[in-house]
Amino acid sequence: MFDKIEQLKKLKQLRDQAMQMQKALAQERITIEERGVKVVMRGDQQIEEIYVDGDEKKDIREAINKALKESQKVAAKKLQEMGGGLGGLL
């Protein structure tokens, strides 16, 4: 019984950490400029702005892909700063 309570406490801690991380990521900003396209994206992978001045389809796709990659780097860094988060449960 106490094991279940401890597991629930650990899960709550993980949930709280995840929520803190989500808030921190929402504060991060990633800006990518590629061949006349500018994409501004938050660290939680929400695009805020897109400026287009060029070949719309190709440039937008490339810029969004780069922005997503950078936001994933930010998320990985935050996970490392928090000590991995799941280490105690695995």
N, C-alpha and C. Protein backbone atom coordinates (compact mmCIF):
# COMPACT_ATOMS: atom_id res chain seq x y z
N MET A 1 0.83 -1.20 0.00
CA MET A 1 0.00 0.00 0.00
C MET A 1 0.87 1.26 0.00
N PHE A 2 1.91 1.26 0.84
CA PHE A 2 2.77 2.44 0.89
C PHE A 2 3.53 2.63 -0.41
N ASP A 3 3.84 1.52 -1.09
CA ASP A 3 4.50 1.63 -2.39
C ASP A 3 3.62 2.37 -3.39
N LYS A 4 2.34 2.08 -3.37
CA LYS A 4 1.41 2.76 -4.29
C LYS A 4 1.35 4.26 -3.97
N ILE A 5 1.34 4.59 -2.70
CA ILE A 5 1.30 6.01 -2.30
C ILE A 5 2.57 6.71 -2.76
N GLU A 6 3.71 6.05 -2.57
CA GLU A 6 4.98 6.63 -3.01
C GLU A 6 5.01 6.80 -4.53
N GLN A 7 4.48 5.83 -5.24
CA GLN A 7 4.43 5.93 -6.70
C GLN A 7 3.56 7.10 -7.13
N LEU A 8 2.43 7.28 -6.44
CA LEU A 8 1.55 8.41 -6.76
C LEU A 8 2.25 9.74 -6.48
N LYS A 9 3.00 9.80 -5.40
CA LYS A 9 3.75 11.03 -5.08
C LYS A 9 4.78 11.32 -6.17
N LYS A 10 5.49 10.27 -6.61
CA LYS A 10 6.49 10.46 -7.66
C LYS A 10 5.84 10.90 -8.96
N LEU A 11 4.68 10.32 -9.27
CA LEU A 11 3.98 10.71 -10.50
C LEU A 11 3.53 12.17 -10.42
N LYS A 12 3.07 12.60 -9.25
CA LYS A 12 2.67 14.00 -9.08
C LYS A 12 3.88 14.92 -9.25
N GLN A 13 5.02 14.51 -8.70
CA GLN A 13 6.23 15.31 -8.85
C GLN A 13 6.61 15.43 -10.33
N LEU A 14 6.53 14.32 -11.04
CA LEU A 14 6.85 14.34 -12.47
C LEU A 14 5.89 15.24 -13.24
N ARG A 15 4.62 15.16 -12.87
CA ARG A 15 3.62 16.01 -13.53
C ARG A 15 3.92 17.48 -13.27
N ASP A 16 4.26 17.80 -12.01
CA ASP A 16 4.59 19.18 -11.67
C ASP A 16 5.82 19.66 -12.43
N GLN A 17 6.84 18.79 -12.53
CA GLN A 17 8.04 19.14 -13.28
C GLN A 17 7.71 19.38 -14.75
N ALA A 18 6.87 18.51 -15.31
CA ALA A 18 6.49 18.67 -16.72
C ALA A 18 5.75 19.98 -16.94
N MET A 19 4.91 20.35 -16.00
CA MET A 19 4.17 21.61 -16.13
C MET A 19 5.12 22.80 -16.04
N GLN A 20 6.10 22.73 -15.12
CA GLN A 20 7.09 23.80 -15.02
C GLN A 20 7.90 23.92 -16.30
N MET A 21 8.27 22.77 -16.85
CA MET A 21 9.03 22.78 -18.08
C MET A 21 8.21 23.37 -19.22
N GLN A 22 6.95 23.02 -19.29
CA GLN A 22 6.09 23.55 -20.35
C GLN A 22 6.01 25.07 -20.26
N LYS A 23 5.88 25.60 -19.03
CA LYS A 23 5.83 27.05 -18.85
C LYS A 23 7.14 27.70 -19.26
N ALA A 24 8.26 27.07 -18.86
CA ALA A 24 9.58 27.61 -19.22
C ALA A 24 9.78 27.60 -20.73
N LEU A 25 9.37 26.52 -21.36
CA LEU A 25 9.52 26.41 -22.82
C LEU A 25 8.67 27.46 -23.54
N ALA A 26 7.51 27.74 -23.00
CA ALA A 26 6.63 28.74 -23.63
C ALA A 26 7.28 30.13 -23.60
N GLN A 27 8.23 30.35 -22.68
CA GLN A 27 8.91 31.64 -22.59
C GLN A 27 10.07 31.75 -23.58
N GLU A 28 10.57 30.63 -24.05
CA GLU A 28 11.68 30.63 -25.01
C GLU A 28 11.18 31.05 -26.39
N ARG A 29 12.04 31.72 -27.14
CA ARG A 29 11.70 32.12 -28.50
C ARG A 29 12.79 31.67 -29.44
N ILE A 30 12.40 31.07 -30.54
CA ILE A 30 13.32 30.65 -31.57
C ILE A 30 12.95 31.39 -32.85
N THR A 31 13.91 32.03 -33.45
CA THR A 31 13.68 32.74 -34.71
C THR A 31 14.61 32.17 -35.76
N ILE A 32 14.03 31.76 -36.87
CA ILE A 32 14.79 31.20 -37.99
C ILE A 32 14.51 32.06 -39.22
N GLU A 33 15.58 32.44 -39.91
CA GLU A 33 15.45 33.15 -41.17
C GLU A 33 16.17 32.36 -42.25
N GLU A 34 15.45 32.07 -43.32
CA GLU A 34 15.98 31.24 -44.40
C GLU A 34 15.42 31.74 -45.72
N ARG A 35 16.28 32.22 -46.58
CA ARG A 35 15.89 32.66 -47.93
C ARG A 35 14.59 33.47 -47.98
N GLY A 36 14.55 34.53 -47.19
CA GLY A 36 13.40 35.42 -47.24
C GLY A 36 12.21 35.01 -46.41
N VAL A 37 12.33 33.92 -45.66
CA VAL A 37 11.25 33.47 -44.79
C VAL A 37 11.73 33.59 -43.35
N LYS A 38 10.88 34.17 -42.51
CA LYS A 38 11.20 34.27 -41.09
C LYS A 38 10.09 33.60 -40.30
N VAL A 39 10.48 32.67 -39.42
CA VAL A 39 9.53 31.97 -38.57
C VAL A 39 9.92 32.24 -37.12
N VAL A 40 8.95 32.67 -36.33
CA VAL A 40 9.17 32.84 -34.90
C VAL A 40 8.32 31.79 -34.19
N MET A 41 9.00 30.97 -33.39
CA MET A 41 8.33 29.86 -32.72
C MET A 41 8.73 29.85 -31.25
N ARG A 42 7.79 29.49 -30.39
CA ARG A 42 8.09 29.34 -28.97
C ARG A 42 8.73 27.97 -28.74
N GLY A 43 9.39 27.83 -27.61
CA GLY A 43 10.03 26.58 -27.25
C GLY A 43 9.06 25.43 -27.08
N ASP A 44 7.80 25.73 -26.87
CA ASP A 44 6.79 24.67 -26.78
C ASP A 44 6.21 24.33 -28.15
N GLN A 45 6.91 24.75 -29.18
CA GLN A 45 6.61 24.43 -30.58
C GLN A 45 5.32 25.05 -31.10
N GLN A 46 5.02 26.22 -30.62
CA GLN A 46 3.89 26.99 -31.14
C GLN A 46 4.45 28.12 -32.00
N ILE A 47 4.04 28.14 -33.26
CA ILE A 47 4.52 29.18 -34.18
C ILE A 47 3.77 30.47 -33.88
N GLU A 48 4.53 31.53 -33.70
CA GLU A 48 3.91 32.83 -33.42
C GLU A 48 3.81 33.71 -34.65
N GLU A 49 4.85 33.71 -35.48
CA GLU A 49 4.85 34.59 -36.65
C GLU A 49 5.53 33.90 -37.82
N ILE A 50 5.04 34.16 -39.02
CA ILE A 50 5.69 33.74 -40.25
C ILE A 50 5.68 34.91 -41.22
N TYR A 51 6.86 35.28 -41.69
CA TYR A 51 6.98 36.33 -42.70
C TYR A 51 7.48 35.67 -43.97
N VAL A 52 6.83 35.94 -45.08
CA VAL A 52 7.19 35.30 -46.36
C VAL A 52 7.59 36.37 -47.37
N ASP A 53 8.74 36.17 -48.00
CA ASP A 53 9.17 37.04 -49.09
C ASP A 53 9.98 36.18 -50.06
N GLY A 54 9.31 35.35 -50.81
CA GLY A 54 10.02 34.46 -51.71
C GLY A 54 9.14 33.28 -52.12
N ASP A 55 9.80 32.19 -52.50
CA ASP A 55 9.08 30.97 -52.92
C ASP A 55 8.36 30.38 -51.72
N GLU A 56 7.07 30.59 -51.65
CA GLU A 56 6.28 30.30 -50.46
C GLU A 56 6.35 28.84 -50.00
N LYS A 57 6.03 27.89 -50.80
CA LYS A 57 5.92 26.51 -50.35
C LYS A 57 7.24 25.92 -49.88
N LYS A 58 8.26 26.00 -50.69
CA LYS A 58 9.54 25.40 -50.34
C LYS A 58 10.17 26.09 -49.13
N ASP A 59 10.21 27.40 -49.16
CA ASP A 59 10.85 28.14 -48.07
C ASP A 59 10.12 27.99 -46.74
N ILE A 60 8.81 28.00 -46.77
CA ILE A 60 8.06 27.84 -45.53
C ILE A 60 8.34 26.47 -44.92
N ARG A 61 8.31 25.43 -45.74
CA ARG A 61 8.56 24.09 -45.23
C ARG A 61 9.94 23.98 -44.59
N GLU A 62 10.96 24.47 -45.29
CA GLU A 62 12.32 24.39 -44.77
C GLU A 62 12.48 25.18 -43.47
N ALA A 63 11.93 26.38 -43.43
CA ALA A 63 12.05 27.20 -42.23
C ALA A 63 11.33 26.58 -41.04
N ILE A 64 10.14 26.04 -41.25
CA ILE A 64 9.40 25.41 -40.16
C ILE A 64 10.15 24.18 -39.66
N ASN A 65 10.72 23.39 -40.56
CA ASN A 65 11.48 22.22 -40.13
C ASN A 65 12.68 22.62 -39.28
N LYS A 66 13.39 23.66 -39.68
CA LYS A 66 14.52 24.13 -38.87
C LYS A 66 14.06 24.65 -37.52
N ALA A 67 12.96 25.38 -37.50
CA ALA A 67 12.44 25.91 -36.25
C ALA A 67 12.04 24.78 -35.29
N LEU A 68 11.41 23.75 -35.81
CA LEU A 68 11.04 22.61 -34.98
C LEU A 68 12.27 21.94 -34.39
N LYS A 69 13.30 21.79 -35.20
CA LYS A 69 14.53 21.16 -34.73
C LYS A 69 15.15 21.96 -33.58
N GLU A 70 15.21 23.28 -33.72
CA GLU A 70 15.78 24.11 -32.67
C GLU A 70 14.94 24.06 -31.39
N SER A 71 13.62 24.05 -31.52
CA SER A 71 12.77 23.99 -30.33
C SER A 71 12.95 22.66 -29.60
N GLN A 72 13.22 21.59 -30.34
CA GLN A 72 13.49 20.31 -29.70
C GLN A 72 14.80 20.35 -28.92
N LYS A 73 15.78 21.08 -29.42
CA LYS A 73 17.04 21.25 -28.69
C LYS A 73 16.80 21.97 -27.36
N VAL A 74 15.96 23.00 -27.40
CA VAL A 74 15.64 23.75 -26.17
C VAL A 74 14.96 22.82 -25.16
N ALA A 75 14.02 22.00 -25.63
CA ALA A 75 13.32 21.08 -24.74
C ALA A 75 14.28 20.07 -24.14
N ALA A 76 15.21 19.55 -24.92
CA ALA A 76 16.19 18.60 -24.40
C ALA A 76 17.06 19.25 -23.34
N LYS A 77 17.45 20.50 -23.55
CA LYS A 77 18.27 21.22 -22.57
C LYS A 77 17.52 21.38 -21.25
N LYS A 78 16.26 21.75 -21.32
CA LYS A 78 15.46 21.91 -20.10
C LYS A 78 15.33 20.58 -19.35
N LEU A 79 15.16 19.50 -20.07
CA LEU A 79 15.10 18.18 -19.44
C LEU A 79 16.40 17.87 -18.70
N GLN A 80 17.52 18.17 -19.32
CA GLN A 80 18.81 17.92 -18.69
C GLN A 80 18.97 18.76 -17.43
N GLU A 81 18.54 20.01 -17.46
CA GLU A 81 18.65 20.90 -16.31
C GLU A 81 17.82 20.39 -15.13
N MET A 82 16.73 19.71 -15.44
CA MET A 82 15.87 19.18 -14.38
C MET A 82 16.32 17.79 -13.93
N GLY A 83 17.44 17.31 -14.40
CA GLY A 83 17.95 16.04 -13.97
C GLY A 83 17.32 14.85 -14.66
N GLY A 84 16.72 15.05 -15.77
CA GLY A 84 16.15 13.95 -16.51
C GLY A 84 14.72 13.64 -16.14
N GLY A 85 14.29 14.00 -14.93
CA GLY A 85 12.89 13.83 -14.56
C GLY A 85 12.44 12.42 -14.26
N LEU A 86 12.65 11.49 -15.16
CA LEU A 86 12.13 10.13 -14.98
C LEU A 86 13.13 9.17 -14.37
N GLY A 87 14.34 9.61 -14.10
CA GLY A 87 15.39 8.71 -13.64
C GLY A 87 15.00 7.85 -12.44
N GLY A 88 14.28 8.41 -11.48
CA GLY A 88 13.91 7.66 -10.28
C GLY A 88 12.87 6.58 -10.50
N LEU A 89 12.12 6.68 -11.56
CA LEU A 89 11.05 5.70 -11.80
C LEU A 89 11.45 4.59 -12.74
N LEU A 90 12.55 4.76 -13.46
CA LEU A 90 12.93 3.77 -14.47
C LEU A 90 13.85 2.72 -13.89
